[in-house]
């Protein structure tokens, strides 16, 4: 592979593409849920909003890597990222991060609506500045407080379509907000020694693994309860409820296994399932939303 191709690959990796794709996925679901099944889907708005939110998320991810370059050099999970490997100057990475952030926010401001642009900007600052530069190193509750930025995309998607913040969009926010701690603490348990080495006060480092396992279980139970709210508020129907309870039971199984089994692989299995959980629960929300339309089409 040529150096030019390697360069573009490095910039791509700088944006944490898998994380960004998950964020955009939840934002797009928020957009579709905001549109009543009796109305036409605003495809152009969905396209522009996806690009804008995606670029802003990528910008926040790249800024995170710029700030954490020294930490990333030490941790096994991150040492192969472009900056620790010396594949690009930090200056270039920062310019790239700021440029795609400006473009993303510009797309939202001009082609979507200003409220979405402002909320996306607040989310970007929340992750890239408040979480990365302060909370991450200030408190073992860093991921709980900082999780608000990662929970914002479905609200941003909803606002992109409606130009208003709907209570139902806040339920989507709440699901991701409660999901984030058990998701990330499972990874932190597996990587405890690495976080300790770089002096980042993740919960397993400051309070121990047993304490963290208990918190994973508590938040998983809380997540199961919160996931019922879309059904309880008539936002979604019985199809979604069945899917949410099944996924919640799976997550709870892993959380209990994490409490009972000393095998370190359980933490990563819990982390892996948590990603499938989030994708699954938003997929159930989308399918449930369009069940009335499908029933009409085939009746």
Protein backbone atom coordinates (compact mmCIF):
# COMPACT_ATOMS: atom_id res chain seq x y z
CA UNK A 1 0.00 0.00 0.00
CA UNK A 2 1.34 3.47 -0.90
CA UNK A 3 2.13 6.09 1.74
CA UNK A 4 -0.74 8.23 0.37
CA UNK A 5 -3.20 5.41 0.96
CA UNK A 6 -1.71 4.83 4.40
CA UNK A 7 -2.15 8.53 5.18
CA UNK A 8 -5.88 8.46 4.38
CA UNK A 9 -6.23 5.27 6.38
CA UNK A 10 -4.57 6.99 9.35
CA UNK A 11 -6.96 9.95 9.16
CA UNK A 12 -9.86 7.52 8.93
CA UNK A 13 -8.68 5.65 12.04
CA UNK A 14 -8.25 8.97 13.84
CA UNK A 15 -12.04 9.37 13.78
CA UNK A 16 -12.79 6.08 15.63
CA UNK A 17 -15.04 4.95 12.75
CA UNK A 18 -16.77 2.09 14.58
CA UNK A 19 -17.83 4.40 17.40
CA UNK A 20 -18.98 7.08 14.97
CA UNK A 21 -21.02 4.56 12.97
CA UNK A 22 -22.81 3.45 16.15
CA UNK A 23 -23.54 7.07 17.09
CA UNK A 24 -24.87 7.87 13.61
CA UNK A 25 -26.95 4.69 13.67
CA UNK A 26 -28.75 5.84 16.84
CA UNK A 27 -29.15 9.33 15.37
CA UNK A 28 -30.75 7.95 12.19
CA UNK A 29 -33.16 5.83 14.25
CA UNK A 30 -34.09 9.01 16.12
CA UNK A 31 -34.84 10.69 12.79
CA UNK A 32 -37.11 7.91 11.58
CA UNK A 33 -38.93 7.69 14.91
CA UNK A 34 -39.62 11.43 14.75
CA UNK A 35 -41.58 11.00 11.51
CA UNK A 36 -45.17 9.71 11.91
CA UNK A 37 -45.78 6.66 9.75
CA UNK A 38 -48.50 8.59 7.89
CA UNK A 39 -46.04 11.23 6.68
CA UNK A 40 -43.38 11.16 3.97
CA UNK A 41 -39.82 10.51 5.07
CA UNK A 42 -37.60 13.62 4.61
CA UNK A 43 -34.74 11.78 2.92
CA UNK A 44 -32.61 14.84 2.22
CA UNK A 45 -32.79 16.03 5.82
CA UNK A 46 -31.85 12.54 7.00
CA UNK A 47 -28.88 12.53 4.63
CA UNK A 48 -27.65 16.02 5.59
CA UNK A 49 -28.16 15.39 9.30
CA UNK A 50 -26.34 12.05 9.14
CA UNK A 51 -23.36 13.69 7.43
CA UNK A 52 -23.30 16.62 9.84
CA UNK A 53 -23.69 14.55 13.01
CA UNK A 54 -21.20 12.00 11.70
CA UNK A 55 -18.54 14.62 10.96
CA UNK A 56 -19.04 16.31 14.34
CA UNK A 57 -18.76 12.94 16.11
CA UNK A 58 -15.63 12.13 14.13
CA UNK A 59 -14.19 15.51 15.09
CA UNK A 60 -14.78 14.84 18.80
CA UNK A 61 -13.17 11.39 18.45
CA UNK A 62 -10.11 12.85 16.71
CA UNK A 63 -9.71 15.58 19.35
CA UNK A 64 -9.91 12.83 21.97
CA UNK A 65 -6.97 11.06 20.32
CA UNK A 66 -4.96 14.28 20.11
CA UNK A 67 -5.45 14.99 23.81
CA UNK A 68 -4.80 11.38 24.84
CA UNK A 69 -1.77 10.75 22.64
CA UNK A 70 0.62 10.14 25.56
CA UNK A 71 -1.88 7.87 27.30
CA UNK A 72 -2.56 5.96 24.08
CA UNK A 73 1.16 5.26 23.70
CA UNK A 74 1.13 3.26 26.95
CA UNK A 75 -2.13 1.34 26.71
CA UNK A 76 -2.13 -1.89 24.68
CA UNK A 77 -5.65 -1.20 23.37
CA UNK A 78 -4.65 2.14 21.83
CA UNK A 79 -0.90 2.03 21.16
CA UNK A 80 -1.44 1.20 17.47
CA UNK A 81 -3.50 4.32 16.79
CA UNK A 82 -2.01 6.75 14.22
CA UNK A 83 -0.64 9.32 16.68
CA UNK A 84 1.13 6.91 19.08
CA UNK A 85 2.64 5.22 16.02
CA UNK A 86 3.98 8.57 14.80
CA UNK A 87 2.13 8.30 11.50
CA UNK A 88 1.18 11.98 11.46
CA UNK A 89 2.14 15.20 13.29
CA UNK A 90 -0.18 16.19 16.11
CA UNK A 91 -0.66 19.56 14.40
CA UNK A 92 -2.07 17.86 11.29
CA UNK A 93 -4.38 15.71 13.39
CA UNK A 94 -5.72 18.74 15.27
CA UNK A 95 -6.28 20.74 12.07
CA UNK A 96 -8.09 17.76 10.56
CA UNK A 97 -10.25 17.34 13.67
CA UNK A 98 -11.23 21.01 13.76
CA UNK A 99 -11.84 21.14 10.01
CA UNK A 100 -14.27 18.21 9.88
CA UNK A 101 -16.00 19.57 12.99
CA UNK A 102 -16.53 22.96 11.34
CA UNK A 103 -17.78 21.32 8.14
CA UNK A 104 -20.15 19.06 10.05
CA UNK A 105 -21.62 21.89 12.08
CA UNK A 106 -21.85 24.02 8.93
CA UNK A 107 -23.85 21.31 7.16
CA UNK A 108 -26.26 21.16 10.11
CA UNK A 109 -26.56 24.97 10.36
CA UNK A 110 -27.19 25.58 6.66
CA UNK A 111 -28.95 22.43 5.47
CA UNK A 112 -30.78 21.11 8.56
CA UNK A 113 -31.62 23.62 11.30
CA UNK A 114 -29.81 25.81 13.80
CA UNK A 115 -31.10 24.02 16.90
CA UNK A 116 -29.55 20.76 15.72
CA UNK A 117 -26.27 22.58 15.03
CA UNK A 118 -26.20 24.14 18.51
CA UNK A 119 -27.03 20.88 20.28
CA UNK A 120 -24.44 18.99 18.21
CA UNK A 121 -21.85 21.64 19.08
CA UNK A 122 -22.71 21.26 22.77
CA UNK A 123 -22.33 17.49 22.46
CA UNK A 124 -18.95 17.87 20.71
CA UNK A 125 -17.68 20.18 23.46
CA UNK A 126 -19.10 17.86 26.10
CA UNK A 127 -17.08 14.90 24.84
CA UNK A 128 -13.93 16.49 23.42
CA UNK A 129 -13.43 19.11 26.13
CA UNK A 130 -15.48 18.44 29.27
CA UNK A 131 -15.04 14.65 29.31
CA UNK A 132 -11.67 14.17 27.58
CA UNK A 133 -9.81 17.13 29.10
CA UNK A 134 -11.37 17.20 32.56
CA UNK A 135 -13.78 14.50 33.74
CA UNK A 136 -11.74 11.55 32.48
CA UNK A 137 -8.91 12.42 34.86
CA UNK A 138 -10.94 14.04 37.63
CA UNK A 139 -13.40 11.45 38.92
CA UNK A 140 -14.18 7.71 38.78
CA UNK A 141 -17.69 8.78 37.77
CA UNK A 142 -16.21 10.20 34.57
CA UNK A 143 -18.06 7.86 32.24
CA UNK A 144 -21.38 8.41 34.04
CA UNK A 145 -21.27 12.19 33.74
CA UNK A 146 -19.51 12.25 30.39
CA UNK A 147 -21.95 9.71 28.98
CA UNK A 148 -24.41 12.51 28.29
CA UNK A 149 -22.45 13.49 25.17
CA UNK A 150 -22.56 9.96 23.78
CA UNK A 151 -26.27 9.70 24.53
CA UNK A 152 -27.14 12.81 22.51
CA UNK A 153 -27.26 11.48 18.89
CA UNK A 154 -30.87 10.18 18.88
CA UNK A 155 -32.00 13.54 20.28
CA UNK A 156 -29.96 15.30 17.59
CA UNK A 157 -31.58 13.11 14.95
CA UNK A 158 -35.06 13.82 16.28
CA UNK A 159 -34.41 17.58 16.39
CA UNK A 160 -33.01 17.49 12.86
CA UNK A 161 -36.41 16.36 11.59
CA UNK A 162 -38.74 18.29 13.90
CA UNK A 163 -36.66 21.31 14.99
CA UNK A 164 -37.78 20.67 18.57
CA UNK A 165 -36.85 18.48 21.53
CA UNK A 166 -39.61 15.92 22.10
CA UNK A 167 -40.00 14.03 25.42
CA UNK A 168 -39.84 10.74 23.50
CA UNK A 169 -36.41 11.68 22.16
CA UNK A 170 -35.28 12.15 25.75
CA UNK A 171 -36.27 8.53 26.46
CA UNK A 172 -33.82 7.48 23.76
CA UNK A 173 -31.21 9.68 25.41
CA UNK A 174 -31.95 8.07 28.77
CA UNK A 175 -31.53 4.53 27.41
CA UNK A 176 -28.03 5.30 26.07
CA UNK A 177 -27.12 7.34 29.16
CA UNK A 178 -27.89 4.40 31.47
CA UNK A 179 -26.34 1.91 29.03
CA UNK A 180 -22.98 3.70 28.91
CA UNK A 181 -21.65 2.89 32.44
CA UNK A 182 -22.10 -0.91 32.33
CA UNK A 183 -20.87 -0.93 28.73
CA UNK A 184 -17.67 0.96 29.48
CA UNK A 185 -17.02 -0.40 32.97
CA UNK A 186 -16.98 -3.94 31.56
CA UNK A 187 -14.12 -2.84 29.29
CA UNK A 188 -12.46 -0.98 32.18
CA UNK A 189 -12.48 -4.14 34.30
CA UNK A 190 -10.63 -5.98 31.56
CA UNK A 191 -8.18 -3.07 31.10
CA UNK A 192 -7.85 -2.12 34.77
CA UNK A 193 -4.07 -2.46 34.95
CA UNK A 194 -3.60 -0.29 31.87
CA UNK A 195 -5.77 2.49 33.27
CA UNK A 196 -3.87 2.27 36.55
CA UNK A 197 -0.56 2.54 34.68
CA UNK A 198 -1.59 5.84 33.05
CA UNK A 199 -3.19 7.15 36.28
CA UNK A 200 -6.72 7.48 34.91
CA UNK A 201 -9.19 7.05 37.80
CA UNK A 202 -11.57 4.56 36.24
CA UNK A 203 -13.85 2.90 38.77
CA UNK A 204 -12.00 -0.47 38.84
CA UNK A 205 -8.78 1.43 39.60
CA UNK A 206 -10.12 3.62 42.40
CA UNK A 207 -12.68 1.28 44.01
CA UNK A 208 -11.66 -2.18 42.86
CA UNK A 209 -13.07 -4.76 40.48
CA UNK A 210 -15.67 -6.22 42.86
CA UNK A 211 -17.17 -2.78 43.48
CA UNK A 212 -17.26 -2.12 39.74
CA UNK A 213 -18.93 -5.47 39.02
CA UNK A 214 -21.67 -4.54 41.50
CA UNK A 215 -22.17 -1.23 39.72
CA UNK A 216 -22.36 -2.98 36.34
CA UNK A 217 -25.12 -5.19 37.74
CA UNK A 218 -26.97 -2.23 39.28
CA UNK A 219 -26.90 -0.19 36.07
CA UNK A 220 -27.94 -3.21 34.01
CA UNK A 221 -31.02 -3.68 36.21
CA UNK A 222 -31.72 0.05 35.93
CA UNK A 223 -31.31 -0.18 32.14
CA UNK A 224 -33.82 -3.01 31.98
CA UNK A 225 -36.34 -0.82 33.81
CA UNK A 226 -35.62 2.25 31.68
CA UNK A 227 -35.92 0.25 28.45
CA UNK A 228 -39.58 -0.41 29.26
CA UNK A 229 -40.42 3.31 29.27
CA UNK A 230 -41.01 3.64 25.50
CA UNK A 231 -43.73 0.99 25.84
CA UNK A 232 -45.10 2.46 29.08
CA UNK A 233 -45.44 5.90 27.46
CA UNK A 234 -47.08 4.47 24.30
CA UNK A 235 -44.13 5.47 22.18
CA UNK A 236 -43.66 1.83 21.14
CA UNK A 237 -45.74 -1.33 21.14
CA UNK A 238 -45.60 -4.93 22.24
CA UNK A 239 -43.05 -5.94 19.59
CA UNK A 240 -40.53 -3.49 20.99
CA UNK A 241 -41.32 -4.55 24.56
CA UNK A 242 -40.61 -8.19 23.78
CA UNK A 243 -37.31 -7.31 22.12
CA UNK A 244 -36.26 -4.96 24.93
CA UNK A 245 -37.00 -7.56 27.61
CA UNK A 246 -35.13 -10.28 25.71
CA UNK A 247 -32.09 -8.08 25.17
CA UNK A 248 -32.25 -6.87 28.77
CA UNK A 249 -32.35 -10.46 30.02
CA UNK A 250 -29.24 -11.21 27.94
CA UNK A 251 -27.40 -8.19 29.34
CA UNK A 252 -28.46 -9.15 32.86
CA UNK A 253 -27.15 -12.68 32.30
CA UNK A 254 -23.71 -11.33 31.44
CA UNK A 255 -23.76 -8.89 34.37
CA UNK A 256 -24.54 -11.75 36.75
CA UNK A 257 -21.84 -13.89 35.16
CA UNK A 258 -19.43 -11.02 35.66
CA UNK A 259 -20.27 -11.08 39.38
CA UNK A 260 -19.91 -14.85 39.74
CA UNK A 261 -17.09 -15.88 37.41
CA UNK A 262 -13.47 -14.82 37.85
CA UNK A 263 -12.55 -15.50 34.21
CA UNK A 264 -11.35 -12.21 32.73
CA UNK A 265 -12.90 -13.08 29.37
CA UNK A 266 -16.39 -12.52 30.82
CA UNK A 267 -15.74 -8.78 31.05
CA UNK A 268 -15.00 -8.56 27.32
CA UNK A 269 -17.97 -10.78 26.49
CA UNK A 270 -20.14 -8.41 28.53
CA UNK A 271 -18.64 -5.45 26.68
CA UNK A 272 -19.24 -7.12 23.32
CA UNK A 273 -22.84 -8.00 24.15
CA UNK A 274 -23.51 -4.44 25.30
CA UNK A 275 -22.79 -3.19 21.79
CA UNK A 276 -25.16 -5.76 20.28
CA UNK A 277 -27.72 -4.75 22.92
CA UNK A 278 -27.70 -1.09 21.89
CA UNK A 279 -27.92 -1.87 18.19
CA UNK A 280 -30.67 -4.39 18.85
CA UNK A 281 -32.85 -2.21 21.04
CA UNK A 282 -32.75 0.65 18.52
CA UNK A 283 -33.52 -1.79 15.71
CA UNK A 284 -36.56 -3.02 17.66
CA UNK A 285 -37.68 0.59 18.14
CA UNK A 286 -37.49 1.20 14.39
CA UNK A 287 -39.27 -2.00 13.36
CA UNK A 288 -41.99 -1.47 15.96
CA UNK A 289 -42.51 2.08 14.67
CA UNK A 290 -43.34 0.81 11.19
CA UNK A 291 -45.45 -2.21 12.16
CA UNK A 292 -48.74 -0.24 11.68
CA UNK A 293 -47.63 0.69 8.16
CA UNK A 294 -46.71 -2.91 7.38
CA UNK A 295 -50.06 -4.10 8.69
CA UNK A 296 -51.83 -1.60 6.42
CA UNK A 297 -49.79 -2.66 3.40
CA UNK A 298 -50.53 -6.35 3.85
CA UNK A 299 -54.11 -6.15 5.11
